[in-house]
C-alpha atoms as a PDB file:
ATOM      1  CA  MET A   1       6.245 -39.099 -15.736  1.00  0.00           C
ATOM      2  CA  THR A   2       2.992 -37.198 -15.231  1.00  0.00           C
ATOM      3  CA  GLN A   3       1.259 -36.195 -18.419  1.00  0.00           C
ATOM      4  CA  VAL A   4      -0.391 -32.760 -18.495  1.00  0.00           C
ATOM      5  CA  ARG A   5      -3.764 -32.781 -20.173  1.00  0.00           C
ATOM      6  CA  PRO A   6      -4.665 -29.820 -22.346  1.00  0.00           C
ATOM      7  CA  MET A   7      -7.466 -27.575 -21.078  1.00  0.00           C
ATOM      8  CA  ARG A   8     -10.969 -28.242 -22.284  1.00  0.00           C
ATOM      9  CA  ALA A   9     -12.295 -25.549 -24.621  1.00  0.00           C
ATOM     10  CA  ASP A  10     -14.699 -24.134 -22.020  1.00  0.00           C
ATOM     11  CA  ALA A  11     -11.964 -24.049 -19.379  1.00  0.00           C
ATOM     12  CA  ARG A  12      -9.649 -22.258 -21.831  1.00  0.00           C
ATOM     13  CA  ARG A  13     -12.382 -19.667 -22.557  1.00  0.00           C
ATOM     14  CA  ASN A  14     -12.940 -19.106 -18.826  1.00  0.00           C
ATOM     15  CA  TYR A  15      -9.195 -18.723 -18.280  1.00  0.00           C
ATOM     16  CA  GLU A  16      -8.877 -16.184 -21.101  1.00  0.00           C
ATOM     17  CA  ARG A  17     -11.957 -14.210 -19.950  1.00  0.00           C
ATOM     18  CA  LEU A  18     -10.615 -14.120 -16.399  1.00  0.00           C
ATOM     19  CA  LEU A  19      -7.254 -12.798 -17.599  1.00  0.00           C
ATOM     20  CA  LYS A  20      -8.847 -10.142 -19.787  1.00  0.00           C
ATOM     21  CA  VAL A  21     -11.086  -8.927 -16.971  1.00  0.00           C
ATOM     22  CA  ALA A  22      -8.216  -9.097 -14.457  1.00  0.00           C
ATOM     23  CA  VAL A  23      -6.019  -6.870 -16.641  1.00  0.00           C
ATOM     24  CA  GLU A  24      -8.839  -4.307 -16.774  1.00  0.00           C
ATOM     25  CA  ALA A  25      -9.571  -4.555 -13.044  1.00  0.00           C
ATOM     26  CA  PHE A  26      -5.927  -4.240 -12.012  1.00  0.00           C
ATOM     27  CA  ALA A  27      -5.551  -1.245 -14.348  1.00  0.00           C
ATOM     28  CA  GLU A  28      -8.589   0.407 -12.730  1.00  0.00           C
ATOM     29  CA  HIS A  29      -8.065  -0.525  -9.081  1.00  0.00           C
ATOM     30  CA  GLY A  30      -4.464  -1.685  -8.722  1.00  0.00           C
ATOM     31  CA  GLU A  31      -3.377  -4.924  -7.103  1.00  0.00           C
ATOM     32  CA  ASN A  32      -6.219  -4.817  -4.563  1.00  0.00           C
ATOM     33  CA  ALA A  33      -8.982  -5.198  -7.148  1.00  0.00           C
ATOM     34  CA  SER A  34     -11.758  -7.425  -5.861  1.00  0.00           C
ATOM     35  CA  LEU A  35     -11.277 -11.036  -6.961  1.00  0.00           C
ATOM     36  CA  ASP A  36     -14.995 -11.716  -6.527  1.00  0.00           C
ATOM     37  CA  ASP A  37     -15.737  -8.770  -8.815  1.00  0.00           C
ATOM     38  CA  ILE A  38     -13.251 -10.094 -11.393  1.00  0.00           C
ATOM     39  CA  ALA A  39     -14.975 -13.491 -11.368  1.00  0.00           C
ATOM     40  CA  LYS A  40     -18.410 -11.874 -11.642  1.00  0.00           C
ATOM     41  CA  ARG A  41     -17.353  -9.597 -14.527  1.00  0.00           C
ATOM     42  CA  ALA A  42     -15.851 -12.623 -16.306  1.00  0.00           C
ATOM     43  CA  GLY A  43     -19.152 -14.486 -15.925  1.00  0.00           C
ATOM     44  CA  VAL A  44     -17.722 -17.283 -13.778  1.00  0.00           C
ATOM     45  CA  GLY A  45     -17.931 -18.298 -10.141  1.00  0.00           C
ATOM     46  CA  SER A  46     -15.223 -17.603  -7.582  1.00  0.00           C
ATOM     47  CA  GLY A  47     -14.396 -21.326  -7.527  1.00  0.00           C
ATOM     48  CA  THR A  48     -13.501 -21.198 -11.223  1.00  0.00           C
ATOM     49  CA  LEU A  49     -11.238 -18.210 -10.623  1.00  0.00           C
ATOM     50  CA  TYR A  50      -9.435 -19.985  -7.785  1.00  0.00           C
ATOM     51  CA  ARG A  51      -9.100 -23.205  -9.783  1.00  0.00           C
ATOM     52  CA  HIS A  52      -7.179 -21.316 -12.448  1.00  0.00           C
ATOM     53  CA  PHE A  53      -5.449 -18.840 -10.113  1.00  0.00           C
ATOM     54  CA  PRO A  54      -5.102 -20.125  -6.549  1.00  0.00           C
ATOM     55  CA  THR A  55      -3.785 -16.795  -5.216  1.00  0.00           C
ATOM     56  CA  ARG A  56      -4.109 -13.082  -5.955  1.00  0.00           C
ATOM     57  CA  GLN A  57      -0.377 -13.107  -6.738  1.00  0.00           C
ATOM     58  CA  ALA A  58      -0.871 -15.842  -9.364  1.00  0.00           C
ATOM     59  CA  LEU A  59      -3.649 -13.871 -11.070  1.00  0.00           C
ATOM     60  CA  LEU A  60      -1.715 -10.613 -10.944  1.00  0.00           C
ATOM     61  CA  GLU A  61       1.356 -12.293 -12.378  1.00  0.00           C
ATOM     62  CA  ALA A  62      -0.597 -13.939 -15.202  1.00  0.00           C
ATOM     63  CA  ALA A  63      -2.408 -10.681 -15.989  1.00  0.00           C
ATOM     64  CA  LEU A  64       0.859  -8.759 -16.258  1.00  0.00           C
ATOM     65  CA  ALA A  65       2.983 -11.466 -17.901  1.00  0.00           C
ATOM     66  CA  ASP A  66       3.060  -9.674 -21.277  1.00  0.00           C
ATOM     67  CA  ARG A  67       4.375  -6.498 -19.677  1.00  0.00           C
ATOM     68  CA  LEU A  68       7.057  -8.457 -17.806  1.00  0.00           C
ATOM     69  CA  GLU A  69       8.121 -10.279 -20.941  1.00  0.00           C
ATOM     70  CA  GLY A  70       8.332  -6.883 -22.636  1.00  0.00           C
ATOM     71  CA  LEU A  71      10.668  -5.645 -19.902  1.00  0.00           C
ATOM     72  CA  ALA A  72      12.881  -8.694 -20.393  1.00  0.00           C
ATOM     73  CA  ALA A  73      12.935  -8.085 -24.150  1.00  0.00           C
ATOM     74  CA  LYS A  74      13.884  -4.439 -23.521  1.00  0.00           C
ATOM     75  CA  ALA A  75      16.858  -5.608 -21.457  1.00  0.00           C
ATOM     76  CA  ASP A  76      18.042  -7.693 -24.396  1.00  0.00           C
ATOM     77  CA  GLU A  77      17.486  -4.788 -26.828  1.00  0.00           C
ATOM     78  CA  PHE A  78      19.454  -2.363 -24.666  1.00  0.00           C
ATOM     79  CA  ALA A  79      22.248  -4.921 -24.214  1.00  0.00           C
ATOM     80  CA  ALA A  80      22.523  -5.299 -27.998  1.00  0.00           C
ATOM     81  CA  GLU A  81      22.409  -1.554 -28.756  1.00  0.00           C
ATOM     82  CA  LEU A  82      24.239   0.189 -25.904  1.00  0.00           C
ATOM     83  CA  ALA A  83      27.385  -0.080 -23.845  1.00  0.00           C
ATOM     84  CA  PRO A  84      26.762  -2.234 -20.756  1.00  0.00           C
ATOM     85  CA  GLY A  85      26.568   0.601 -18.206  1.00  0.00           C
ATOM     86  CA  ALA A  86      24.215   2.610 -20.399  1.00  0.00           C
ATOM     87  CA  ALA A  87      22.108  -0.493 -21.127  1.00  0.00           C
ATOM     88  CA  LEU A  88      21.701  -1.121 -17.411  1.00  0.00           C
ATOM     89  CA  THR A  89      20.702   2.483 -16.705  1.00  0.00           C
ATOM     90  CA  GLU A  90      18.186   2.563 -19.582  1.00  0.00           C
ATOM     91  CA  TRP A  91      16.637  -0.722 -18.466  1.00  0.00           C
ATOM     92  CA  LEU A  92      16.354   0.470 -14.873  1.00  0.00           C
ATOM     93  CA  ASN A  93      14.583   3.565 -16.209  1.00  0.00           C
ATOM     94  CA  GLU A  94      12.139   1.366 -18.171  1.00  0.00           C
ATOM     95  CA  LEU A  95      11.540  -0.737 -15.073  1.00  0.00           C
ATOM     96  CA  CYS A  96      10.836   2.322 -12.909  1.00  0.00           C
ATOM     97  CA  VAL A  97       8.512   3.891 -15.480  1.00  0.00           C
ATOM     98  CA  ALA A  98       6.591   0.624 -15.905  1.00  0.00           C
ATOM     99  CA  THR A  99       6.319   0.301 -12.135  1.00  0.00           C
ATOM    100  CA  LEU A 100       4.456   3.611 -12.015  1.00  0.00           C
ATOM    101  CA  GLN A 101       2.464   3.288 -15.241  1.00  0.00           C
ATOM    102  CA  VAL A 102       1.054  -0.196 -14.782  1.00  0.00           C
ATOM    103  CA  ARG A 103      -1.062  -0.312 -11.656  1.00  0.00           C
ATOM    104  CA  GLY A 104      -0.350  -3.518  -9.821  1.00  0.00           C
ATOM    105  CA  LEU A 105       3.140  -3.952 -11.250  1.00  0.00           C
ATOM    106  CA  LYS A 106       4.753  -2.340  -8.211  1.00  0.00           C
ATOM    107  CA  ALA A 107       3.243  -4.956  -5.915  1.00  0.00           C
ATOM    108  CA  LEU A 108       4.160  -7.735  -8.306  1.00  0.00           C
ATOM    109  CA  LEU A 109       7.748  -6.541  -8.588  1.00  0.00           C
ATOM    110  CA  GLY A 110       7.895  -6.580  -4.811  1.00  0.00           C
ATOM    111  CA  SER A 111       8.367 -10.338  -5.147  1.00  0.00           C
ATOM    112  CA  ALA A 112      11.492  -9.694  -7.188  1.00  0.00           C
ATOM    113  CA  VAL A 113      13.093  -7.628  -4.442  1.00  0.00           C
ATOM    114  CA  THR A 114      12.654 -10.094  -1.605  1.00  0.00           C
ATOM    115  CA  ASP A 115      15.689 -11.737  -0.082  1.00  0.00           C
ATOM    116  CA  GLY A 116      15.425 -14.619  -2.531  1.00  0.00           C
ATOM    117  CA  SER A 117      15.480 -17.293   0.155  1.00  0.00           C
ATOM    118  CA  SER A 118      11.773 -17.856  -0.219  1.00  0.00           C
ATOM    119  CA  ALA A 119      10.385 -20.720  -2.233  1.00  0.00           C
ATOM    120  CA  MET A 120       7.705 -18.226  -3.228  1.00  0.00           C
ATOM    121  CA  LEU A 121       9.920 -16.450  -5.760  1.00  0.00           C
ATOM    122  CA  THR A 122       7.570 -16.023  -8.688  1.00  0.00           C
ATOM    123  CA  ALA A 123       8.126 -16.251 -12.409  1.00  0.00           C
ATOM    124  CA  CYS A 124       7.993 -12.457 -12.342  1.00  0.00           C
ATOM    125  CA  GLY A 125      10.858 -12.352  -9.888  1.00  0.00           C
ATOM    126  CA  THR A 126      12.835 -14.856 -11.910  1.00  0.00           C
ATOM    127  CA  THR A 127      12.326 -12.956 -15.176  1.00  0.00           C
ATOM    128  CA  VAL A 128      13.189  -9.569 -13.718  1.00  0.00           C
ATOM    129  CA  ARG A 129      16.157 -10.883 -11.750  1.00  0.00           C
ATOM    130  CA  GLY A 130      17.484 -12.665 -14.816  1.00  0.00           C
ATOM    131  CA  SER A 131      17.435  -9.447 -16.837  1.00  0.00           C
ATOM    132  CA  ALA A 132      19.017  -7.472 -14.019  1.00  0.00           C
ATOM    133  CA  THR A 133      21.714 -10.112 -13.538  1.00  0.00           C
ATOM    134  CA  ARG A 134      22.682 -10.204 -17.223  1.00  0.00           C
ATOM    135  CA  LEU A 135      22.908  -6.416 -17.429  1.00  0.00           C
ATOM    136  CA  ALA A 136      24.755  -6.072 -14.113  1.00  0.00           C
ATOM    137  CA  ASP A 137      27.307  -8.749 -15.021  1.00  0.00           C
ATOM    138  CA  ALA A 138      28.040  -6.988 -18.318  1.00  0.00           C
ATOM    139  CA  ALA A 139      28.396  -3.606 -16.579  1.00  0.00           C
ATOM    140  CA  LYS A 140      30.779  -5.134 -14.020  1.00  0.00           C
ATOM    141  CA  ALA A 141      32.868  -6.662 -16.811  1.00  0.00           C
ATOM    142  CA  GLU A 142      32.945  -3.254 -18.497  1.00  0.00           C
ATOM    143  CA  GLY A 143      34.057  -1.627 -15.245  1.00  0.00           C
ATOM    144  CA  THR A 144      31.048   0.693 -14.935  1.00  0.00           C
ATOM    145  CA  LEU A 145      29.430  -1.108 -11.988  1.00  0.00           C
ATOM    146  CA  ARG A 146      31.017  -1.904  -8.640  1.00  0.00           C
ATOM    147  CA  GLU A 147      31.878  -5.578  -8.201  1.00  0.00           C
ATOM    148  CA  ASP A 148      30.017  -5.816  -4.891  1.00  0.00           C
ATOM    149  CA  ILE A 149      26.667  -4.809  -6.429  1.00  0.00           C
ATOM    150  CA  GLU A 150      24.269  -7.668  -7.084  1.00  0.00           C
ATOM    151  CA  ALA A 151      21.143  -7.761  -9.222  1.00  0.00           C
ATOM    152  CA  ILE A 152      18.929  -7.818  -6.132  1.00  0.00           C
ATOM    153  CA  ASP A 153      20.586  -4.589  -4.949  1.00  0.00           C
ATOM    154  CA  LEU A 154      19.755  -2.929  -8.261  1.00  0.00           C
ATOM    155  CA  LEU A 155      16.144  -4.113  -8.162  1.00  0.00           C
ATOM    156  CA  ARG A 156      15.656  -2.867  -4.625  1.00  0.00           C
ATOM    157  CA  LEU A 157      17.205   0.475  -5.510  1.00  0.00           C
ATOM    158  CA  ALA A 158      15.044   0.762  -8.655  1.00  0.00           C
ATOM    159  CA  HIS A 159      11.974   0.007  -6.544  1.00  0.00           C
ATOM    160  CA  GLY A 160      13.095   2.813  -4.239  1.00  0.00           C
ATOM    161  CA  VAL A 161      13.671   5.199  -7.145  1.00  0.00           C
ATOM    162  CA  ALA A 162      10.166   4.541  -8.479  1.00  0.00           C
ATOM    163  CA  THR A 163       8.708   5.090  -5.016  1.00  0.00           C
ATOM    164  CA  ALA A 164      10.700   8.302  -4.488  1.00  0.00           C
ATOM    165  CA  SER A 165       9.615   9.621  -7.879  1.00  0.00           C
ATOM    166  CA  GLU A 166       6.017   8.745  -7.105  1.00  0.00           C
ATOM    167  CA  LEU A 167       6.268  10.661  -3.833  1.00  0.00           C
ATOM    168  CA  ALA A 168       7.865  13.640  -5.592  1.00  0.00           C
ATOM    169  CA  ASN A 169       5.091  14.222  -8.110  1.00  0.00           C
ATOM    170  CA  GLY A 170       3.232  10.985  -8.773  1.00  0.00           C
ATOM    171  CA  GLN A 171       4.084  11.003 -12.473  1.00  0.00           C
ATOM    172  CA  GLY A 172       7.634   9.694 -12.563  1.00  0.00           C
ATOM    173  CA  LYS A 173       9.193  12.920 -13.810  1.00  0.00           C
ATOM    174  CA  GLN A 174      12.108  12.542 -11.404  1.00  0.00           C
ATOM    175  CA  ILE A 175      13.033   8.951 -12.337  1.00  0.00           C
ATOM    176  CA  ARG A 176      15.831   9.860 -14.730  1.00  0.00           C
ATOM    177  CA  ARG A 177      17.338  12.348 -12.248  1.00  0.00           C
ATOM    178  CA  TYR A 178      17.176   9.891  -9.355  1.00  0.00           C
ATOM    179  CA  LEU A 179      18.699   7.131 -11.491  1.00  0.00           C
ATOM    180  CA  GLU A 180      21.580   9.415 -12.459  1.00  0.00           C
ATOM    181  CA  LEU A 181      22.245  10.170  -8.794  1.00  0.00           C
ATOM    182  CA  LEU A 182      22.024   6.477  -7.991  1.00  0.00           C
ATOM    183  CA  THR A 183      24.259   5.209 -10.788  1.00  0.00           C
ATOM    184  CA  GLU A 184      26.969   7.725  -9.881  1.00  0.00           C
ATOM    185  CA  GLY A 185      27.198   6.043  -6.500  1.00  0.00           C
ATOM    186  CA  LEU A 186      27.286   2.553  -8.039  1.00  0.00           C
ATOM    187  CA  ARG A 187      30.364   3.172 -10.132  1.00  0.00           C
ATOM    188  CA  PRO A 188      33.690   1.728  -8.997  1.00  0.00           C
END
């Protein structure tokens, strides 16, 4: 069994500074923020950034992990408070709104809507798919979601709803309307 050593204090500080700066950079510039600029603003070299985060995707995912965990928690809240079909619709709305509000999240959620055959499925994809699966299964059991609909279908459609709303006015004002049109077609 391989033992994982805890990070040295200076490495932990570098990691935390990189994450803080990355959150700011992705908020300002979206998922294409310059990694070299992030390293420079964090006061570390590019090598340090890549030691902690070997890919842009890894840094983006780590920077947005709190938001993703919040979306998963929202799924659980809606499941506890609402009927399954309504819980699913409310969570899809939250997902679409977050996709537009948090620059970089749309690209990160793209990993959750891949075909799933890739070994590259990220923790983001796993978290989001898990929430979608739980809500979809409950809605199917309730009879408010067609049996042939899978979680990946819902995530792809939500991604499309967010994109369509963004194209309509850039502010997400049409999300609720588009979700209503969508969910009507998903009923048995």
